[in-house]
PDB file of N, CA and C in Angstrom:
ATOM      1  N   MET A   1      63.613  58.503 -58.961  1.00  0.00           N
ATOM      2  CA  MET A   1      65.055  58.614 -58.973  1.00  0.00           C
ATOM      3  C   MET A   1      65.578  58.358 -57.563  1.00  0.00           C
ATOM      4  N   GLY A   2      66.247  57.239 -57.367  1.00  0.00           N
ATOM      5  CA  GLY A   2      66.886  56.948 -56.103  1.00  0.00           C
ATOM      6  C   GLY A   2      66.111  56.077 -55.141  1.00  0.00           C
ATOM      7  N   LYS A   3      64.875  55.772 -55.467  1.00  0.00           N
ATOM      8  CA  LYS A   3      64.066  54.988 -54.534  1.00  0.00           C
ATOM      9  C   LYS A   3      64.685  53.616 -54.273  1.00  0.00           C
ATOM     10  N   ASP A   4      65.254  53.014 -55.305  1.00  0.00           N
ATOM     11  CA  ASP A   4      65.892  51.709 -55.132  1.00  0.00           C
ATOM     12  C   ASP A   4      67.078  51.795 -54.170  1.00  0.00           C
ATOM     13  N   LEU A   5      67.862  52.850 -54.273  1.00  0.00           N
ATOM     14  CA  LEU A   5      68.980  53.046 -53.343  1.00  0.00           C
ATOM     15  C   LEU A   5      68.461  53.243 -51.924  1.00  0.00           C
ATOM     16  N   TYR A   6      67.434  54.057 -51.793  1.00  0.00           N
ATOM     17  CA  TYR A   6      66.834  54.356 -50.492  1.00  0.00           C
ATOM     18  C   TYR A   6      66.336  53.085 -49.815  1.00  0.00           C
ATOM     19  N   GLU A   7      65.715  52.221 -50.575  1.00  0.00           N
ATOM     20  CA  GLU A   7      65.125  51.006 -50.013  1.00  0.00           C
ATOM     21  C   GLU A   7      66.147  49.896 -49.773  1.00  0.00           C
ATOM     22  N   THR A   8      67.318  50.001 -50.396  1.00  0.00           N
ATOM     23  CA  THR A   8      68.295  48.918 -50.331  1.00  0.00           C
ATOM     24  C   THR A   8      69.467  49.197 -49.397  1.00  0.00           C
ATOM     25  N   TYR A   9      69.902  50.434 -49.319  1.00  0.00           N
ATOM     26  CA  TYR A   9      71.136  50.768 -48.598  1.00  0.00           C
ATOM     27  C   TYR A   9      70.870  51.733 -47.447  1.00  0.00           C
ATOM     28  N   ALA A  10      71.279  51.339 -46.264  1.00  0.00           N
ATOM     29  CA  ALA A  10      71.079  52.179 -45.078  1.00  0.00           C
ATOM     30  C   ALA A  10      71.776  53.527 -45.222  1.00  0.00           C
ATOM     31  N   ALA A  11      72.960  53.529 -45.783  1.00  0.00           N
ATOM     32  CA  ALA A  11      73.705  54.782 -45.937  1.00  0.00           C
ATOM     33  C   ALA A  11      72.994  55.729 -46.904  1.00  0.00           C
ATOM     34  N   ALA A  12      72.442  55.193 -47.971  1.00  0.00           N
ATOM     35  CA  ALA A  12      71.696  56.015 -48.927  1.00  0.00           C
ATOM     36  C   ALA A  12      70.418  56.543 -48.289  1.00  0.00           C
ATOM     37  N   LYS A  13      69.752  55.704 -47.510  1.00  0.00           N
ATOM     38  CA  LYS A  13      68.537  56.127 -46.804  1.00  0.00           C
ATOM     39  C   LYS A  13      68.851  57.288 -45.873  1.00  0.00           C
ATOM     40  N   ASP A  14      69.959  57.189 -45.159  1.00  0.00           N
ATOM     41  CA  ASP A  14      70.358  58.253 -44.240  1.00  0.00           C
ATOM     42  C   ASP A  14      70.595  59.565 -44.987  1.00  0.00           C
ATOM     43  N   ILE A  15      71.245  59.499 -46.116  1.00  0.00           N
ATOM     44  CA  ILE A  15      71.510  60.714 -46.900  1.00  0.00           C
ATOM     45  C   ILE A  15      70.205  61.341 -47.372  1.00  0.00           C
ATOM     46  N   TYR A  16      69.311  60.529 -47.914  1.00  0.00           N
ATOM     47  CA  TYR A  16      68.022  61.061 -48.363  1.00  0.00           C
ATOM     48  C   TYR A  16      67.225  61.643 -47.199  1.00  0.00           C
ATOM     49  N   ASP A  17      67.211  60.958 -46.070  1.00  0.00           N
ATOM     50  CA  ASP A  17      66.451  61.449 -44.914  1.00  0.00           C
ATOM     51  C   ASP A  17      67.004  62.776 -44.407  1.00  0.00           C
ATOM     52  N   ARG A  18      68.311  62.877 -44.310  1.00  0.00           N
ATOM     53  CA  ARG A  18      68.924  64.124 -43.831  1.00  0.00           C
ATOM     54  C   ARG A  18      68.711  65.263 -44.820  1.00  0.00           C
ATOM     55  N   ALA A  19      68.847  64.980 -46.097  1.00  0.00           N
ATOM     56  CA  ALA A  19      68.637  66.019 -47.109  1.00  0.00           C
ATOM     57  C   ALA A  19      67.181  66.465 -47.136  1.00  0.00           C
ATOM     58  N   ASP A  20      66.269  65.513 -47.014  1.00  0.00           N
ATOM     59  CA  ASP A  20      64.845  65.838 -47.022  1.00  0.00           C
ATOM     60  C   ASP A  20      64.500  66.785 -45.874  1.00  0.00           C
ATOM     61  N   ALA A  21      65.129  66.580 -44.733  1.00  0.00           N
ATOM     62  CA  ALA A  21      64.886  67.444 -43.576  1.00  0.00           C
ATOM     63  C   ALA A  21      65.511  68.828 -43.746  1.00  0.00           C
ATOM     64  N   ALA A  22      66.504  68.928 -44.610  1.00  0.00           N
ATOM     65  CA  ALA A  22      67.242  70.184 -44.762  1.00  0.00           C
ATOM     66  C   ALA A  22      66.633  71.141 -45.784  1.00  0.00           C
ATOM     67  N   VAL A  23      65.793  70.636 -46.673  1.00  0.00           N
ATOM     68  CA  VAL A  23      65.216  71.497 -47.708  1.00  0.00           C
ATOM     69  C   VAL A  23      63.764  71.822 -47.372  1.00  0.00           C
ATOM     70  N   ASP A  24      63.235  72.824 -48.041  1.00  0.00           N
ATOM     71  CA  ASP A  24      61.871  73.267 -47.739  1.00  0.00           C
ATOM     72  C   ASP A  24      60.822  72.676 -48.687  1.00  0.00           C
ATOM     73  N   PHE A  25      61.115  71.507 -49.226  1.00  0.00           N
ATOM     74  CA  PHE A  25      60.148  70.781 -50.048  1.00  0.00           C
ATOM     75  C   PHE A  25      60.352  69.291 -49.796  1.00  0.00           C
ATOM     76  N   ASP A  26      59.417  68.488 -50.247  1.00  0.00           N
ATOM     77  CA  ASP A  26      59.465  67.044 -50.007  1.00  0.00           C
ATOM     78  C   ASP A  26      60.367  66.378 -51.045  1.00  0.00           C
ATOM     79  N   LEU A  27      61.651  66.431 -50.777  1.00  0.00           N
ATOM     80  CA  LEU A  27      62.655  65.928 -51.715  1.00  0.00           C
ATOM     81  C   LEU A  27      62.447  64.453 -52.042  1.00  0.00           C
ATOM     82  N   LYS A  28      62.202  63.648 -51.032  1.00  0.00           N
ATOM     83  CA  LYS A  28      62.024  62.210 -51.277  1.00  0.00           C
ATOM     84  C   LYS A  28      60.798  61.943 -52.144  1.00  0.00           C
ATOM     85  N   ARG A  29      59.689  62.553 -51.818  1.00  0.00           N
ATOM     86  CA  ARG A  29      58.461  62.305 -52.589  1.00  0.00           C
ATOM     87  C   ARG A  29      58.647  62.705 -54.046  1.00  0.00           C
ATOM     88  N   ILE A  30      59.194  63.882 -54.258  1.00  0.00           N
ATOM     89  CA  ILE A  30      59.373  64.357 -55.635  1.00  0.00           C
ATOM     90  C   ILE A  30      60.390  63.488 -56.369  1.00  0.00           C
ATOM     91  N   SER A  31      61.484  63.134 -55.696  1.00  0.00           N
ATOM     92  CA  SER A  31      62.507  62.302 -56.342  1.00  0.00           C
ATOM     93  C   SER A  31      61.981  60.915 -56.673  1.00  0.00           C
ATOM     94  N   PHE A  32      61.222  60.338 -55.765  1.00  0.00           N
ATOM     95  CA  PHE A  32      60.782  58.954 -55.930  1.00  0.00           C
ATOM     96  C   PHE A  32      59.511  58.819 -56.763  1.00  0.00           C
ATOM     97  N   GLU A  33      58.624  59.815 -56.677  1.00  0.00           N
ATOM     98  CA  GLU A  33      57.303  59.675 -57.290  1.00  0.00           C
ATOM     99  C   GLU A  33      56.971  60.738 -58.325  1.00  0.00           C
ATOM    100  N   GLY A  34      57.745  61.809 -58.369  1.00  0.00           N
ATOM    101  CA  GLY A  34      57.436  62.897 -59.290  1.00  0.00           C
ATOM    102  C   GLY A  34      56.417  63.840 -58.697  1.00  0.00           C
ATOM    103  N   PRO A  35      55.727  64.558 -59.514  1.00  0.00           N
ATOM    104  CA  PRO A  35      55.675  64.481 -60.971  1.00  0.00           C
ATOM    105  C   PRO A  35      56.921  65.092 -61.624  1.00  0.00           C
ATOM    106  N   ASP A  36      57.144  64.708 -62.858  1.00  0.00           N
ATOM    107  CA  ASP A  36      58.304  65.200 -63.595  1.00  0.00           C
ATOM    108  C   ASP A  36      58.333  66.721 -63.685  1.00  0.00           C
ATOM    109  N   GLU A  37      57.163  67.341 -63.725  1.00  0.00           N
ATOM    110  CA  GLU A  37      57.108  68.802 -63.817  1.00  0.00           C
ATOM    111  C   GLU A  37      57.772  69.449 -62.601  1.00  0.00           C
ATOM    112  N   GLU A  38      57.639  68.833 -61.442  1.00  0.00           N
ATOM    113  CA  GLU A  38      58.296  69.362 -60.242  1.00  0.00           C
ATOM    114  C   GLU A  38      59.776  68.999 -60.236  1.00  0.00           C
ATOM    115  N   LEU A  39      60.076  67.767 -60.579  1.00  0.00           N
ATOM    116  CA  LEU A  39      61.456  67.290 -60.523  1.00  0.00           C
ATOM    117  C   LEU A  39      62.360  68.031 -61.499  1.00  0.00           C
ATOM    118  N   THR A  40      61.825  68.489 -62.597  1.00  0.00           N
ATOM    119  CA  THR A  40      62.658  69.162 -63.597  1.00  0.00           C
ATOM    120  C   THR A  40      62.830  70.659 -63.336  1.00  0.00           C
ATOM    121  N   ARG A  41      62.176  71.180 -62.311  1.00  0.00           N
ATOM    122  CA  ARG A  41      62.428  72.580 -61.931  1.00  0.00           C
ATOM    123  C   ARG A  41      63.844  72.679 -61.370  1.00  0.00           C
ATOM    124  N   THR A  42      64.568  73.697 -61.753  1.00  0.00           N
ATOM    125  CA  THR A  42      65.963  73.847 -61.341  1.00  0.00           C
ATOM    126  C   THR A  42      66.126  73.841 -59.830  1.00  0.00           C
ATOM    127  N   ASP A  43      65.237  74.514 -59.117  1.00  0.00           N
ATOM    128  CA  ASP A  43      65.371  74.596 -57.660  1.00  0.00           C
ATOM    129  C   ASP A  43      65.148  73.250 -56.976  1.00  0.00           C
ATOM    130  N   VAL A  44      64.561  72.319 -57.678  1.00  0.00           N
ATOM    131  CA  VAL A  44      64.350  70.968 -57.150  1.00  0.00           C
ATOM    132  C   VAL A  44      65.372  70.002 -57.743  1.00  0.00           C
ATOM    133  N   SER A  45      65.607  70.102 -59.034  1.00  0.00           N
ATOM    134  CA  SER A  45      66.471  69.122 -59.697  1.00  0.00           C
ATOM    135  C   SER A  45      67.918  69.197 -59.224  1.00  0.00           C
ATOM    136  N   GLN A  46      68.420  70.389 -58.974  1.00  0.00           N
ATOM    137  CA  GLN A  46      69.820  70.481 -58.557  1.00  0.00           C
ATOM    138  C   GLN A  46      70.072  69.795 -57.214  1.00  0.00           C
ATOM    139  N   PRO A  47      69.289  70.078 -56.173  1.00  0.00           N
ATOM    140  CA  PRO A  47      69.509  69.326 -54.931  1.00  0.00           C
ATOM    141  C   PRO A  47      69.219  67.832 -55.100  1.00  0.00           C
ATOM    142  N   ALA A  48      68.225  67.486 -55.898  1.00  0.00           N
ATOM    143  CA  ALA A  48      67.896  66.073 -56.102  1.00  0.00           C
ATOM    144  C   ALA A  48      69.054  65.328 -56.755  1.00  0.00           C
ATOM    145  N   ILE A  49      69.706  65.946 -57.707  1.00  0.00           N
ATOM    146  CA  ILE A  49      70.846  65.315 -58.376  1.00  0.00           C
ATOM    147  C   ILE A  49      72.010  65.145 -57.408  1.00  0.00           C
ATOM    148  N   VAL A  50      72.283  66.162 -56.613  1.00  0.00           N
ATOM    149  CA  VAL A  50      73.372  66.068 -55.635  1.00  0.00           C
ATOM    150  C   VAL A  50      73.083  64.959 -54.629  1.00  0.00           C
ATOM    151  N   VAL A  51      71.874  64.928 -54.111  1.00  0.00           N
ATOM    152  CA  VAL A  51      71.512  63.912 -53.122  1.00  0.00           C
ATOM    153  C   VAL A  51      71.577  62.518 -53.738  1.00  0.00           C
ATOM    154  N   HIS A  52      71.077  62.378 -54.946  1.00  0.00           N
ATOM    155  CA  HIS A  52      71.138  61.072 -55.611  1.00  0.00           C
ATOM    156  C   HIS A  52      72.591  60.640 -55.817  1.00  0.00           C
ATOM    157  N   SER A  53      73.433  61.558 -56.217  1.00  0.00           N
ATOM    158  CA  SER A  53      74.849  61.238 -56.424  1.00  0.00           C
ATOM    159  C   SER A  53      75.513  60.811 -55.120  1.00  0.00           C
ATOM    160  N   LEU A  54      75.246  61.532 -54.050  1.00  0.00           N
ATOM    161  CA  LEU A  54      75.814  61.170 -52.748  1.00  0.00           C
ATOM    162  C   LEU A  54      75.270  59.830 -52.263  1.00  0.00           C
ATOM    163  N   ALA A  55      73.999  59.587 -52.499  1.00  0.00           N
ATOM    164  CA  ALA A  55      73.398  58.312 -52.102  1.00  0.00           C
ATOM    165  C   ALA A  55      74.003  57.159 -52.903  1.00  0.00           C
ATOM    166  N   ALA A  56      74.247  57.376 -54.181  1.00  0.00           N
ATOM    167  CA  ALA A  56      74.869  56.339 -55.009  1.00  0.00           C
ATOM    168  C   ALA A  56      76.289  56.051 -54.529  1.00  0.00           C
ATOM    169  N   LEU A  57      77.021  57.085 -54.183  1.00  0.00           N
ATOM    170  CA  LEU A  57      78.369  56.899 -53.648  1.00  0.00           C
ATOM    171  C   LEU A  57      78.321  56.131 -52.329  1.00  0.00           C
ATOM    172  N   ALA A  58      77.404  56.495 -51.466  1.00  0.00           N
ATOM    173  CA  ALA A  58      77.266  55.804 -50.180  1.00  0.00           C
ATOM    174  C   ALA A  58      76.899  54.338 -50.387  1.00  0.00           C
ATOM    175  N   ALA A  59      76.034  54.065 -51.350  1.00  0.00           N
ATOM    176  CA  ALA A  59      75.654  52.682 -51.650  1.00  0.00           C
ATOM    177  C   ALA A  59      76.857  51.899 -52.168  1.00  0.00           C
ATOM    178  N   LEU A  60      77.639  52.512 -53.022  1.00  0.00           N
ATOM    179  CA  LEU A  60      78.841  51.855 -53.537  1.00  0.00           C
ATOM    180  C   LEU A  60      79.814  51.551 -52.404  1.00  0.00           C
ATOM    181  N   GLU A  61      80.024  52.527 -51.537  1.00  0.00           N
ATOM    182  CA  GLU A  61      80.918  52.306 -50.399  1.00  0.00           C
ATOM    183  C   GLU A  61      80.405  51.176 -49.509  1.00  0.00           C
ATOM    184  N   GLU A  62      79.094  51.140 -49.307  1.00  0.00           N
ATOM    185  CA  GLU A  62      78.494  50.078 -48.494  1.00  0.00           C
ATOM    186  C   GLU A  62      78.711  48.712 -49.154  1.00  0.00           C
ATOM    187  N   GLU A  63      78.554  48.652 -50.462  1.00  0.00           N
ATOM    188  CA  GLU A  63      78.779  47.405 -51.197  1.00  0.00           C
ATOM    189  C   GLU A  63      80.236  46.958 -51.096  1.00  0.00           C
ATOM    190  N   LEU A  64      81.152  47.885 -51.242  1.00  0.00           N
ATOM    191  CA  LEU A  64      82.573  47.533 -51.231  1.00  0.00           C
ATOM    192  C   LEU A  64      83.048  47.073 -49.857  1.00  0.00           C
ATOM    193  N   LYS A  65      82.424  47.603 -48.820  1.00  0.00           N
ATOM    194  CA  LYS A  65      82.787  47.189 -47.461  1.00  0.00           C
ATOM    195  C   LYS A  65      82.191  45.832 -47.116  1.00  0.00           C
ATOM    196  N   GLY A  66      81.168  45.460 -47.864  1.00  0.00           N
ATOM    197  CA  GLY A  66      80.545  44.157 -47.673  1.00  0.00           C
ATOM    198  C   GLY A  66      79.624  44.162 -46.552  1.00  0.00           C
TER     199      GLY A  66
END
């Protein structure tokens, strides 16, 4: 979830990197690679969804600015 945004958009990469540093688990690894058992835990899924949403917004803004 979000790996394509991370690899394509600098703004999305920045959001994922900053969020990963702020939490006490490997947010990027779990979001990008799983396993699903970890990603679906509430304490992981809620921050992952927020970060993915912010990264998607940042990617959209980057696209619109050209």
